[in-house]
C-alpha cells in the first residue's frame, strides 16, 4: 500500500481546506520526499486522483499571487475522512508494509483518541510477536545457525532483530501515550505545526 494517500489526505485534513502548494510544502517540511514516494509530481497526481475517487472535494479559488491560473483547493469528503482513518489504523498495525507507511502513521497518530492509539500499538506488538514465533518455529536464535544455511541464516537473524526492536519501540510509544504524552484527538486545542517555530526538521541519516 502506498503511503502517499495517507500523507496527502492527512495534510489536507490538518488544514481543513488546502491547495496543492500548501500540501506539498507541508510534506517537504516533514521530509516526506526523502523517506517516501511523496515527490512533487506524485503529490499533485494524488490530489487529483483522490478527488476523482470522491475522497477530496475541489474548489477553484482566485488566481495565484504570481498571476497564474486559479488555484484548486481541496478538503476531505466524508468518504475521505473514513479512508484517512482506515489508512492510519492500517499503518500503525500492519507489520508487512514498507517503513514509510508506519512513518506516515506515526506522523498522524495524534489524530486518534488516546485509548485507540494505544490499542493499535498493542495490536502491532502482538503481530510482531506472532511473526517472531513463526520465524523461530523451527529455529532457535539462541543456537548456532546450521552451517549448511551459510549467509542465508543471517536473514533469520535480521527478521528476529527487526521483530524485537519493532516491538520494543511500539511498547515504549504506547507507554508514553498512556502516561499522557501529546495532545490526542478530543483532548483540546493543539498547534497545527509539526515542530515548534524555528525548530530544524529532523533529517534521515545520510547514507
N, C-alpha and C. Protein backbone atom coordinates (compact mmCIF):
# COMPACT_ATOMS: atom_id res chain seq x y z
N UNK A 1 0.85 -1.19 0.00
CA UNK A 1 0.00 0.00 0.00
C UNK A 1 0.89 1.24 0.00
N UNK A 2 0.53 2.23 -0.79
CA UNK A 2 1.34 3.43 -0.90
C UNK A 2 1.04 4.39 0.24
N UNK A 3 2.10 4.96 0.80
CA UNK A 3 1.94 5.90 1.90
C UNK A 3 1.42 7.25 1.44
N UNK A 4 1.53 7.57 0.15
CA UNK A 4 1.21 8.92 -0.28
C UNK A 4 -0.26 9.25 -0.10
N UNK A 5 -1.14 8.25 -0.19
CA UNK A 5 -2.57 8.52 0.02
C UNK A 5 -2.80 8.99 1.46
N UNK A 6 -2.18 8.32 2.41
CA UNK A 6 -2.31 8.72 3.80
C UNK A 6 -1.70 10.10 4.03
N UNK A 7 -0.52 10.33 3.46
CA UNK A 7 0.15 11.61 3.65
C UNK A 7 -0.66 12.77 3.09
N UNK A 8 -1.17 12.61 1.88
CA UNK A 8 -1.91 13.70 1.24
C UNK A 8 -3.24 13.94 1.95
N UNK A 9 -3.97 12.87 2.25
CA UNK A 9 -5.23 13.05 2.97
C UNK A 9 -4.99 13.69 4.34
N UNK A 10 -3.95 13.25 5.02
CA UNK A 10 -3.66 13.80 6.33
C UNK A 10 -3.25 15.26 6.29
N UNK A 11 -2.47 15.63 5.27
CA UNK A 11 -2.04 17.03 5.15
C UNK A 11 -3.22 17.94 4.85
N UNK A 12 -4.11 17.52 3.96
CA UNK A 12 -5.30 18.32 3.67
C UNK A 12 -6.18 18.40 4.91
N UNK A 13 -6.36 17.30 5.57
CA UNK A 13 -7.21 17.25 6.77
C UNK A 13 -6.70 18.19 7.85
N UNK A 14 -5.41 18.28 7.99
CA UNK A 14 -4.83 19.13 9.02
C UNK A 14 -5.19 20.60 8.82
N UNK A 15 -5.27 21.02 7.55
CA UNK A 15 -5.63 22.41 7.25
C UNK A 15 -7.14 22.62 7.24
N UNK A 16 -7.89 21.56 7.00
CA UNK A 16 -9.32 21.71 6.80
C UNK A 16 -9.63 21.92 5.33
N UNK A 17 -8.89 22.80 4.72
CA UNK A 17 -9.00 23.08 3.28
C UNK A 17 -7.67 23.65 2.84
N UNK A 18 -7.09 23.09 1.79
CA UNK A 18 -5.74 23.49 1.40
C UNK A 18 -5.54 23.31 -0.10
N UNK A 19 -4.70 24.15 -0.68
CA UNK A 19 -4.34 23.97 -2.08
C UNK A 19 -3.09 23.10 -2.18
N UNK A 20 -2.82 22.63 -3.38
CA UNK A 20 -1.74 21.68 -3.58
C UNK A 20 -0.39 22.19 -3.13
N UNK A 21 -0.15 23.49 -3.32
CA UNK A 21 1.15 24.05 -2.94
C UNK A 21 1.37 23.94 -1.43
N UNK A 22 0.30 24.16 -0.65
CA UNK A 22 0.42 24.06 0.80
C UNK A 22 0.67 22.61 1.22
N UNK A 23 -0.02 21.67 0.58
CA UNK A 23 0.18 20.26 0.88
C UNK A 23 1.62 19.86 0.57
N UNK A 24 2.08 20.27 -0.59
CA UNK A 24 3.47 19.96 -0.97
C UNK A 24 4.44 20.57 0.04
N UNK A 25 4.20 21.82 0.44
CA UNK A 25 5.09 22.48 1.39
C UNK A 25 5.15 21.76 2.72
N UNK A 26 3.99 21.32 3.20
CA UNK A 26 3.96 20.59 4.46
C UNK A 26 4.76 19.30 4.37
N UNK A 27 4.52 18.54 3.30
CA UNK A 27 5.18 17.24 3.18
C UNK A 27 6.68 17.39 2.98
N UNK A 28 7.09 18.44 2.28
CA UNK A 28 8.52 18.69 2.13
C UNK A 28 9.13 19.11 3.46
N UNK A 29 8.39 19.90 4.25
CA UNK A 29 8.88 20.31 5.56
C UNK A 29 9.07 19.10 6.46
N UNK A 30 8.16 18.14 6.34
CA UNK A 30 8.28 16.91 7.13
C UNK A 30 9.37 15.99 6.60
N UNK A 31 9.93 16.32 5.43
CA UNK A 31 10.97 15.48 4.84
C UNK A 31 10.41 14.25 4.15
N UNK A 32 9.10 14.26 3.86
CA UNK A 32 8.47 13.07 3.27
C UNK A 32 9.04 12.71 1.91
N UNK A 33 9.56 13.71 1.20
CA UNK A 33 10.15 13.43 -0.11
C UNK A 33 11.46 12.65 0.02
N UNK A 34 12.01 12.58 1.23
CA UNK A 34 13.26 11.86 1.45
C UNK A 34 13.03 10.44 1.95
N UNK A 35 11.89 10.20 2.61
CA UNK A 35 11.66 8.85 3.16
C UNK A 35 10.42 8.16 2.59
N UNK A 36 9.77 8.80 1.61
CA UNK A 36 8.61 8.17 0.97
C UNK A 36 8.61 8.55 -0.51
N UNK A 37 7.54 8.15 -1.20
CA UNK A 37 7.41 8.50 -2.61
C UNK A 37 6.64 9.79 -2.82
N UNK A 38 6.58 10.63 -1.80
CA UNK A 38 5.84 11.89 -1.88
C UNK A 38 6.68 12.97 -2.56
N UNK A 39 6.97 12.77 -3.84
CA UNK A 39 7.66 13.77 -4.64
C UNK A 39 6.62 14.76 -5.18
N UNK A 40 7.02 15.97 -5.60
CA UNK A 40 6.04 16.97 -6.05
C UNK A 40 5.04 16.45 -7.07
N UNK A 41 5.53 15.78 -8.12
CA UNK A 41 4.61 15.27 -9.13
C UNK A 41 3.65 14.26 -8.57
N UNK A 42 4.11 13.42 -7.66
CA UNK A 42 3.27 12.40 -7.06
C UNK A 42 2.20 13.02 -6.16
N UNK A 43 2.54 14.11 -5.50
CA UNK A 43 1.58 14.79 -4.61
C UNK A 43 0.42 15.35 -5.42
N UNK A 44 0.73 16.08 -6.49
CA UNK A 44 -0.34 16.68 -7.31
C UNK A 44 -1.17 15.59 -7.99
N UNK A 45 -0.51 14.53 -8.43
CA UNK A 45 -1.24 13.42 -9.03
C UNK A 45 -2.18 12.78 -8.00
N UNK A 46 -1.70 12.61 -6.78
CA UNK A 46 -2.52 12.00 -5.74
C UNK A 46 -3.72 12.89 -5.41
N UNK A 47 -3.53 14.19 -5.37
CA UNK A 47 -4.65 15.10 -5.10
C UNK A 47 -5.73 14.95 -6.16
N UNK A 48 -5.34 14.94 -7.42
CA UNK A 48 -6.33 14.81 -8.50
C UNK A 48 -7.01 13.44 -8.45
N UNK A 49 -6.22 12.39 -8.19
CA UNK A 49 -6.79 11.04 -8.14
C UNK A 49 -7.76 10.89 -6.98
N UNK A 50 -7.39 11.41 -5.82
CA UNK A 50 -8.26 11.32 -4.66
C UNK A 50 -9.56 12.11 -4.87
N UNK A 51 -9.45 13.22 -5.61
CA UNK A 51 -10.66 13.98 -5.93
C UNK A 51 -11.56 13.18 -6.87
N UNK A 52 -10.97 12.54 -7.88
CA UNK A 52 -11.76 11.72 -8.80
C UNK A 52 -12.45 10.56 -8.08
N UNK A 53 -11.81 10.07 -7.04
CA UNK A 53 -12.37 8.95 -6.29
C UNK A 53 -13.39 9.39 -5.23
N UNK A 54 -13.63 10.69 -5.16
CA UNK A 54 -14.63 11.19 -4.22
C UNK A 54 -14.14 11.32 -2.80
N UNK A 55 -12.83 11.26 -2.60
CA UNK A 55 -12.27 11.37 -1.27
C UNK A 55 -11.89 12.81 -0.92
N UNK A 56 -11.73 13.64 -1.93
CA UNK A 56 -11.46 15.06 -1.75
C UNK A 56 -12.49 15.86 -2.54
N UNK A 57 -12.87 17.01 -2.01
CA UNK A 57 -13.76 17.94 -2.71
C UNK A 57 -12.91 19.10 -3.22
N UNK A 58 -13.12 19.51 -4.45
CA UNK A 58 -12.32 20.55 -5.08
C UNK A 58 -13.06 21.89 -5.10
N UNK A 59 -12.28 22.97 -4.91
CA UNK A 59 -12.79 24.32 -5.02
C UNK A 59 -11.80 25.13 -5.84
N UNK A 60 -12.28 25.87 -6.81
CA UNK A 60 -11.40 26.79 -7.54
C UNK A 60 -11.44 28.14 -6.86
N UNK A 61 -10.26 28.67 -6.58
CA UNK A 61 -10.15 29.98 -5.93
C UNK A 61 -9.61 30.98 -6.94
N UNK A 62 -9.34 32.17 -6.48
CA UNK A 62 -8.84 33.21 -7.37
C UNK A 62 -7.45 32.89 -7.90
N UNK A 63 -7.00 33.65 -8.90
CA UNK A 63 -5.66 33.42 -9.46
C UNK A 63 -4.59 33.53 -8.39
N UNK A 64 -3.50 32.85 -8.61
CA UNK A 64 -2.39 32.91 -7.66
C UNK A 64 -1.80 34.30 -7.64
N UNK A 65 -1.09 34.61 -6.59
CA UNK A 65 -0.47 35.93 -6.45
C UNK A 65 0.54 36.19 -7.56
N UNK A 66 1.05 35.12 -8.15
CA UNK A 66 2.02 35.29 -9.25
C UNK A 66 1.32 35.53 -10.58
N UNK A 67 0.00 35.57 -10.58
CA UNK A 67 -0.73 35.85 -11.81
C UNK A 67 -1.04 34.63 -12.64
N UNK A 68 -0.88 33.44 -12.09
CA UNK A 68 -1.14 32.22 -12.83
C UNK A 68 -2.62 31.87 -12.84
N UNK A 69 -2.94 30.66 -13.28
CA UNK A 69 -4.33 30.22 -13.33
C UNK A 69 -4.90 30.06 -11.92
N UNK A 70 -6.23 29.96 -11.80
CA UNK A 70 -6.84 29.80 -10.47
C UNK A 70 -6.29 28.57 -9.76
N UNK A 71 -6.12 28.72 -8.47
CA UNK A 71 -5.66 27.59 -7.68
C UNK A 71 -6.85 26.70 -7.33
N UNK A 72 -6.57 25.43 -7.14
CA UNK A 72 -7.59 24.49 -6.69
C UNK A 72 -7.32 24.15 -5.24
N UNK A 73 -8.34 24.32 -4.42
CA UNK A 73 -8.23 23.93 -3.02
C UNK A 73 -9.01 22.64 -2.80
N UNK A 74 -8.59 21.90 -1.78
CA UNK A 74 -9.17 20.59 -1.51
C UNK A 74 -9.57 20.49 -0.05
N UNK A 75 -10.63 19.72 0.20
CA UNK A 75 -10.98 19.34 1.56
C UNK A 75 -11.50 17.91 1.55
N UNK A 76 -11.40 17.24 2.67
CA UNK A 76 -11.85 15.86 2.74
C UNK A 76 -13.38 15.78 2.67
N UNK A 77 -13.87 14.81 1.93
CA UNK A 77 -15.28 14.45 1.99
C UNK A 77 -15.48 13.48 3.15
N UNK A 78 -16.72 13.10 3.40
CA UNK A 78 -16.97 12.10 4.45
C UNK A 78 -16.26 10.80 4.11
N UNK A 79 -16.27 10.43 2.82
CA UNK A 79 -15.56 9.21 2.40
C UNK A 79 -14.06 9.37 2.58
N UNK A 80 -13.55 10.58 2.33
CA UNK A 80 -12.13 10.84 2.52
C UNK A 80 -11.71 10.74 3.98
N UNK A 81 -12.59 11.20 4.88
CA UNK A 81 -12.32 11.06 6.31
C UNK A 81 -12.26 9.59 6.70
N UNK A 82 -13.20 8.81 6.20
CA UNK A 82 -13.20 7.37 6.50
C UNK A 82 -11.94 6.70 5.98
N UNK A 83 -11.53 7.08 4.75
CA UNK A 83 -10.34 6.47 4.16
C UNK A 83 -9.08 6.87 4.92
N UNK A 84 -9.00 8.12 5.35
CA UNK A 84 -7.85 8.56 6.14
C UNK A 84 -7.73 7.75 7.42
N UNK A 85 -8.83 7.60 8.13
CA UNK A 85 -8.78 6.85 9.38
C UNK A 85 -8.46 5.38 9.13
N UNK A 86 -8.99 4.81 8.05
CA UNK A 86 -8.69 3.41 7.72
C UNK A 86 -7.20 3.24 7.45
N UNK A 87 -6.64 4.13 6.65
CA UNK A 87 -5.23 4.05 6.32
C UNK A 87 -4.35 4.27 7.55
N UNK A 88 -4.77 5.19 8.42
CA UNK A 88 -3.99 5.46 9.63
C UNK A 88 -3.96 4.24 10.53
N UNK A 89 -5.10 3.61 10.73
CA UNK A 89 -5.14 2.41 11.58
C UNK A 89 -4.33 1.28 10.96
N UNK A 90 -4.42 1.16 9.64
CA UNK A 90 -3.65 0.12 8.95
C UNK A 90 -2.15 0.38 9.10
N UNK A 91 -1.74 1.62 8.95
CA UNK A 91 -0.32 1.96 9.02
C UNK A 91 0.28 1.61 10.37
N UNK A 92 -0.49 1.77 11.43
CA UNK A 92 0.03 1.54 12.77
C UNK A 92 0.02 0.06 13.16
N UNK A 93 -0.72 -0.76 12.45
CA UNK A 93 -0.83 -2.16 12.86
C UNK A 93 -0.20 -3.15 11.88
N UNK A 94 -0.11 -2.80 10.60
CA UNK A 94 0.41 -3.73 9.60
C UNK A 94 1.92 -3.87 9.73
N UNK A 95 2.39 -5.09 9.87
CA UNK A 95 3.83 -5.31 10.04
C UNK A 95 4.49 -5.76 8.74
N UNK A 96 3.71 -5.84 7.67
CA UNK A 96 4.26 -6.28 6.39
C UNK A 96 4.30 -5.16 5.37
N UNK A 97 4.20 -3.91 5.84
CA UNK A 97 4.28 -2.77 4.95
C UNK A 97 5.69 -2.18 4.94
N UNK A 98 5.96 -1.32 3.96
CA UNK A 98 7.24 -0.62 3.94
C UNK A 98 7.31 0.37 5.10
N UNK A 99 8.52 0.75 5.43
CA UNK A 99 8.73 1.62 6.59
C UNK A 99 8.03 2.97 6.43
N UNK A 100 7.87 3.45 5.19
CA UNK A 100 7.25 4.77 5.02
C UNK A 100 5.78 4.77 5.44
N UNK A 101 5.13 3.60 5.40
CA UNK A 101 3.74 3.53 5.83
C UNK A 101 3.65 3.74 7.34
N UNK A 102 4.49 3.05 8.10
CA UNK A 102 4.50 3.24 9.54
C UNK A 102 4.90 4.66 9.90
N UNK A 103 5.92 5.19 9.22
CA UNK A 103 6.36 6.56 9.48
C UNK A 103 5.23 7.55 9.28
N UNK A 104 4.47 7.37 8.21
CA UNK A 104 3.33 8.25 7.95
C UNK A 104 2.29 8.12 9.05
N UNK A 105 2.02 6.89 9.48
CA UNK A 105 1.04 6.68 10.52
C UNK A 105 1.43 7.34 11.83
N UNK A 106 2.70 7.23 12.20
CA UNK A 106 3.16 7.87 13.42
C UNK A 106 3.02 9.39 13.31
N UNK A 107 3.22 9.92 12.11
CA UNK A 107 3.09 11.35 11.91
C UNK A 107 1.69 11.87 12.18
N UNK A 108 0.69 10.99 12.04
CA UNK A 108 -0.70 11.41 12.27
C UNK A 108 -1.32 10.70 13.48
N UNK A 109 -0.52 10.08 14.32
CA UNK A 109 -1.07 9.30 15.42
C UNK A 109 -1.89 10.16 16.38
N UNK A 110 -1.55 11.46 16.49
CA UNK A 110 -2.29 12.32 17.41
C UNK A 110 -3.70 12.61 16.92
N UNK A 111 -4.03 12.20 15.70
CA UNK A 111 -5.40 12.37 15.20
C UNK A 111 -6.31 11.25 15.68
N UNK A 112 -5.80 10.35 16.48
CA UNK A 112 -6.59 9.27 17.06
C UNK A 112 -6.86 9.56 18.53
N UNK A 113 -7.98 9.06 19.07
CA UNK A 113 -8.16 9.11 20.52
C UNK A 113 -7.04 8.33 21.21
N UNK A 114 -6.68 8.76 22.38
CA UNK A 114 -5.54 8.16 23.09
C UNK A 114 -5.70 6.65 23.27
N UNK A 115 -6.85 6.23 23.76
CA UNK A 115 -7.05 4.80 24.03
C UNK A 115 -6.95 3.97 22.75
N UNK A 116 -7.48 4.51 21.65
CA UNK A 116 -7.41 3.75 20.40
C UNK A 116 -5.97 3.66 19.91
N UNK A 117 -5.21 4.76 20.00
CA UNK A 117 -3.82 4.74 19.57
C UNK A 117 -3.03 3.70 20.35
N UNK A 118 -3.23 3.66 21.65
CA UNK A 118 -2.53 2.67 22.49
C UNK A 118 -2.94 1.26 22.08
N UNK A 119 -4.24 1.04 21.85
CA UNK A 119 -4.71 -0.29 21.47
C UNK A 119 -4.12 -0.72 20.14
N UNK A 120 -4.00 0.19 19.19
CA UNK A 120 -3.43 -0.15 17.89
C UNK A 120 -1.95 -0.50 18.02
N UNK A 121 -1.23 0.21 18.86
CA UNK A 121 0.18 -0.10 19.08
C UNK A 121 0.34 -1.46 19.77
N UNK A 122 -0.55 -1.77 20.70
CA UNK A 122 -0.51 -3.09 21.33
C UNK A 122 -0.81 -4.18 20.30
N UNK A 123 -1.71 -3.87 19.38
CA UNK A 123 -2.01 -4.82 18.30
C UNK A 123 -0.78 -5.04 17.43
N UNK A 124 -0.03 -3.97 17.20
CA UNK A 124 1.21 -4.10 16.41
C UNK A 124 2.21 -5.00 17.13
N UNK A 125 2.34 -4.81 18.43
CA UNK A 125 3.25 -5.64 19.21
C UNK A 125 2.85 -7.11 19.09
N UNK A 126 1.56 -7.39 19.21
CA UNK A 126 1.09 -8.78 19.13
C UNK A 126 1.40 -9.38 17.76
N UNK A 127 1.24 -8.59 16.69
CA UNK A 127 1.53 -9.09 15.35
C UNK A 127 3.02 -9.36 15.18
N UNK A 128 3.86 -8.50 15.74
CA UNK A 128 5.31 -8.72 15.66
C UNK A 128 5.72 -9.95 16.46
N UNK A 129 5.10 -10.15 17.60
CA UNK A 129 5.43 -11.32 18.41
C UNK A 129 4.99 -12.61 17.70
N UNK A 130 3.86 -12.56 17.04
CA UNK A 130 3.40 -13.74 16.30
C UNK A 130 4.34 -14.03 15.12
N UNK A 131 4.77 -12.96 14.45
CA UNK A 131 5.70 -13.14 13.34
C UNK A 131 7.01 -13.75 13.84
N UNK A 132 7.48 -13.29 15.01
CA UNK A 132 8.71 -13.84 15.57
C UNK A 132 8.55 -15.33 15.88
N UNK A 133 7.41 -15.68 16.44
CA UNK A 133 7.16 -17.10 16.74
C UNK A 133 7.17 -17.94 15.46
N UNK A 134 6.61 -17.37 14.39
CA UNK A 134 6.58 -18.09 13.12
C UNK A 134 7.99 -18.29 12.59
N UNK A 135 8.83 -17.27 12.69
CA UNK A 135 10.21 -17.36 12.21
C UNK A 135 10.98 -18.41 13.00
N UNK A 136 10.75 -18.46 14.30
CA UNK A 136 11.56 -19.33 15.17
C UNK A 136 10.91 -20.68 15.42
N UNK A 137 9.83 -20.98 14.72
CA UNK A 137 9.13 -22.25 14.97
C UNK A 137 10.07 -23.45 14.79
N UNK A 138 10.92 -23.38 13.79
CA UNK A 138 11.85 -24.49 13.53
C UNK A 138 13.30 -24.07 13.65
N UNK A 139 13.52 -22.95 14.35
CA UNK A 139 14.90 -22.47 14.51
C UNK A 139 14.98 -21.61 15.75
N UNK A 140 15.93 -21.86 16.59
CA UNK A 140 16.10 -21.08 17.80
C UNK A 140 17.24 -20.08 17.61
N UNK A 141 16.98 -18.79 17.82
CA UNK A 141 18.06 -17.81 17.65
C UNK A 141 19.17 -17.97 18.68
N UNK A 142 18.92 -18.75 19.74
CA UNK A 142 19.95 -18.97 20.76
C UNK A 142 20.96 -20.02 20.33
N UNK A 143 20.61 -20.77 19.29
CA UNK A 143 21.52 -21.80 18.80
C UNK A 143 22.32 -21.26 17.62
N UNK A 144 23.45 -21.90 17.37
CA UNK A 144 24.24 -21.51 16.21
C UNK A 144 23.48 -21.83 14.94
N UNK A 145 23.56 -20.95 13.98
CA UNK A 145 22.92 -21.20 12.70
C UNK A 145 23.58 -22.40 12.03
N UNK A 146 22.80 -23.35 11.55
CA UNK A 146 23.40 -24.51 10.87
C UNK A 146 24.36 -24.09 9.75
N UNK A 147 25.49 -24.79 9.64
CA UNK A 147 26.49 -24.43 8.65
C UNK A 147 25.93 -24.45 7.24
N UNK A 148 25.02 -25.39 6.97
CA UNK A 148 24.53 -25.51 5.59
C UNK A 148 23.66 -24.30 5.18
N UNK A 149 23.22 -23.51 6.15
CA UNK A 149 22.43 -22.32 5.80
C UNK A 149 23.33 -21.22 5.23
N UNK A 150 24.60 -21.25 5.63
CA UNK A 150 25.51 -20.22 5.15
C UNK A 150 25.02 -18.83 5.51
N UNK A 151 25.29 -17.88 4.61
CA UNK A 151 24.91 -16.49 4.90
C UNK A 151 23.41 -16.28 4.89
N UNK A 152 22.65 -17.23 4.30
CA UNK A 152 21.20 -17.09 4.30
C UNK A 152 20.65 -17.10 5.72
N UNK A 153 21.36 -17.75 6.62
CA UNK A 153 20.94 -17.74 8.02
C UNK A 153 20.90 -16.35 8.62
N UNK A 154 21.68 -15.43 8.04
CA UNK A 154 21.67 -14.05 8.53
C UNK A 154 20.30 -13.40 8.33
N UNK A 155 19.56 -13.88 7.33
CA UNK A 155 18.22 -13.33 7.10
C UNK A 155 17.34 -13.59 8.31
N UNK A 156 17.41 -14.81 8.86
CA UNK A 156 16.62 -15.14 10.04
C UNK A 156 16.99 -14.22 11.21
N UNK A 157 18.28 -14.00 11.38
CA UNK A 157 18.73 -13.12 12.46
C UNK A 157 18.22 -11.69 12.25
N UNK A 158 18.21 -11.25 11.00
CA UNK A 158 17.69 -9.91 10.71
C UNK A 158 16.21 -9.81 11.05
N UNK A 159 15.43 -10.84 10.67
CA UNK A 159 14.00 -10.83 10.96
C UNK A 159 13.74 -10.80 12.47
N UNK A 160 14.50 -11.58 13.21
CA UNK A 160 14.35 -11.60 14.66
C UNK A 160 14.69 -10.23 15.25
N UNK A 161 15.79 -9.66 14.78
CA UNK A 161 16.19 -8.34 15.27
C UNK A 161 15.11 -7.31 14.99
N UNK A 162 14.56 -7.30 13.77
CA UNK A 162 13.54 -6.32 13.41
C UNK A 162 12.27 -6.51 14.23
N UNK A 163 11.88 -7.77 14.45
CA UNK A 163 10.68 -8.03 15.25
C UNK A 163 10.88 -7.55 16.68
N UNK A 164 12.03 -7.86 17.26
CA UNK A 164 12.28 -7.48 18.66
C UNK A 164 12.37 -5.96 18.81
N UNK A 165 13.12 -5.32 17.93
CA UNK A 165 13.29 -3.87 18.05
C UNK A 165 11.98 -3.15 17.75
N UNK A 166 11.23 -3.63 16.76
CA UNK A 166 9.95 -3.01 16.45
C UNK A 166 8.96 -3.13 17.60
N UNK A 167 8.94 -4.28 18.26
CA UNK A 167 8.04 -4.46 19.39
C UNK A 167 8.45 -3.58 20.56
N UNK A 168 9.75 -3.45 20.82
CA UNK A 168 10.21 -2.57 21.90
C UNK A 168 9.79 -1.13 21.65
N UNK A 169 9.97 -0.69 20.40
CA UNK A 169 9.59 0.68 20.06
C UNK A 169 8.09 0.91 20.26
N UNK A 170 7.26 -0.02 19.78
CA UNK A 170 5.81 0.14 19.88
C UNK A 170 5.36 0.11 21.34
N UNK A 171 5.94 -0.76 22.14
CA UNK A 171 5.59 -0.81 23.57
C UNK A 171 5.94 0.51 24.25
N UNK A 172 7.12 1.04 23.93
CA UNK A 172 7.56 2.28 24.57
C UNK A 172 6.65 3.45 24.18
N UNK A 173 6.26 3.54 22.91
CA UNK A 173 5.38 4.63 22.50
C UNK A 173 4.01 4.47 23.15
N UNK A 174 3.50 3.25 23.20
CA UNK A 174 2.22 3.01 23.87
C UNK A 174 2.29 3.45 25.33
N UNK A 175 3.39 3.15 25.99
CA UNK A 175 3.54 3.55 27.40
C UNK A 175 3.58 5.07 27.53
N UNK A 176 4.29 5.75 26.62
CA UNK A 176 4.35 7.21 26.69
C UNK A 176 2.96 7.81 26.50
N UNK A 177 2.19 7.24 25.59
CA UNK A 177 0.83 7.73 25.39
C UNK A 177 -0.02 7.48 26.64
N UNK A 178 0.12 6.32 27.24
CA UNK A 178 -0.63 6.02 28.47
C UNK A 178 -0.23 6.97 29.59
N UNK A 179 1.01 7.43 29.57
CA UNK A 179 1.50 8.35 30.60
C UNK A 179 1.11 9.80 30.31
N UNK A 180 0.42 10.03 29.17
CA UNK A 180 -0.09 11.37 28.89
C UNK A 180 0.67 12.17 27.86
N UNK A 181 1.58 11.56 27.13
CA UNK A 181 2.33 12.31 26.11
C UNK A 181 1.41 12.78 24.99
N UNK A 182 1.64 14.00 24.53
CA UNK A 182 0.98 14.59 23.38
C UNK A 182 -0.50 14.90 23.62
N UNK A 183 -1.01 15.80 22.82
CA UNK A 183 -2.44 16.14 22.84
C UNK A 183 -3.11 15.32 21.75
N UNK A 184 -3.95 14.40 22.14
CA UNK A 184 -4.57 13.49 21.20
C UNK A 184 -5.95 14.01 20.79
N UNK A 185 -6.58 13.32 19.85
CA UNK A 185 -7.88 13.73 19.34
C UNK A 185 -8.89 13.80 20.49
N UNK A 186 -9.67 14.88 20.49
CA UNK A 186 -10.70 15.05 21.51
C UNK A 186 -10.20 15.59 22.83
N UNK A 187 -8.94 15.96 22.90
CA UNK A 187 -8.37 16.42 24.17
C UNK A 187 -8.13 17.92 24.21
N UNK A 188 -8.60 18.64 23.21
CA UNK A 188 -8.43 20.09 23.21
C UNK A 188 -7.57 20.58 22.07
N UNK A 189 -7.28 21.86 22.09
CA UNK A 189 -6.53 22.50 21.02
C UNK A 189 -5.08 22.06 21.03
N UNK A 190 -4.51 21.96 19.86
CA UNK A 190 -3.08 21.73 19.74
C UNK A 190 -2.59 22.48 18.52
N UNK A 191 -1.31 22.82 18.51
CA UNK A 191 -0.76 23.55 17.38
C UNK A 191 -0.74 22.67 16.15
N UNK A 192 -1.01 23.29 15.00
CA UNK A 192 -1.02 22.53 13.75
C UNK A 192 0.38 22.26 13.24
N UNK A 193 1.34 23.12 13.63
CA UNK A 193 2.71 22.90 13.17
C UNK A 193 3.24 21.60 13.75
N UNK A 194 3.93 20.84 12.89
CA UNK A 194 4.52 19.59 13.36
C UNK A 194 5.62 19.87 14.37
N UNK A 195 6.42 20.90 14.14
CA UNK A 195 7.50 21.28 15.03
C UNK A 195 7.31 22.72 15.48
N UNK A 196 7.76 23.10 16.66
CA UNK A 196 7.67 24.48 17.09
C UNK A 196 8.40 25.40 16.12
N UNK A 197 7.94 26.66 15.95
CA UNK A 197 8.60 27.59 15.03
C UNK A 197 10.10 27.71 15.32
N UNK A 198 10.89 27.68 14.26
CA UNK A 198 12.33 27.82 14.39
C UNK A 198 13.07 26.53 14.65
N UNK A 199 12.33 25.45 14.86
CA UNK A 199 12.99 24.16 15.12
C UNK A 199 13.37 23.51 13.80
N UNK A 200 14.64 23.17 13.58
CA UNK A 200 15.01 22.50 12.33
C UNK A 200 14.36 21.13 12.27
N UNK A 201 13.84 20.78 11.10
CA UNK A 201 13.18 19.49 10.99
C UNK A 201 14.21 18.38 11.03
N UNK A 202 13.84 17.23 11.60
CA UNK A 202 14.77 16.10 11.63
C UNK A 202 15.00 15.56 10.24
N UNK A 203 16.18 15.09 10.00
CA UNK A 203 16.53 14.52 8.69
C UNK A 203 16.96 13.08 8.87
N UNK A 204 16.65 12.23 7.90
CA UNK A 204 17.11 10.84 7.98
C UNK A 204 18.62 10.81 7.86
N UNK A 205 19.25 9.79 8.41
CA UNK A 205 20.72 9.69 8.29
C UNK A 205 21.15 9.58 6.84
N UNK A 206 22.23 10.24 6.51
CA UNK A 206 22.76 10.19 5.15
C UNK A 206 23.51 8.89 4.94
N UNK A 207 23.25 8.27 3.81
CA UNK A 207 23.93 7.01 3.52
C UNK A 207 24.93 7.20 2.39
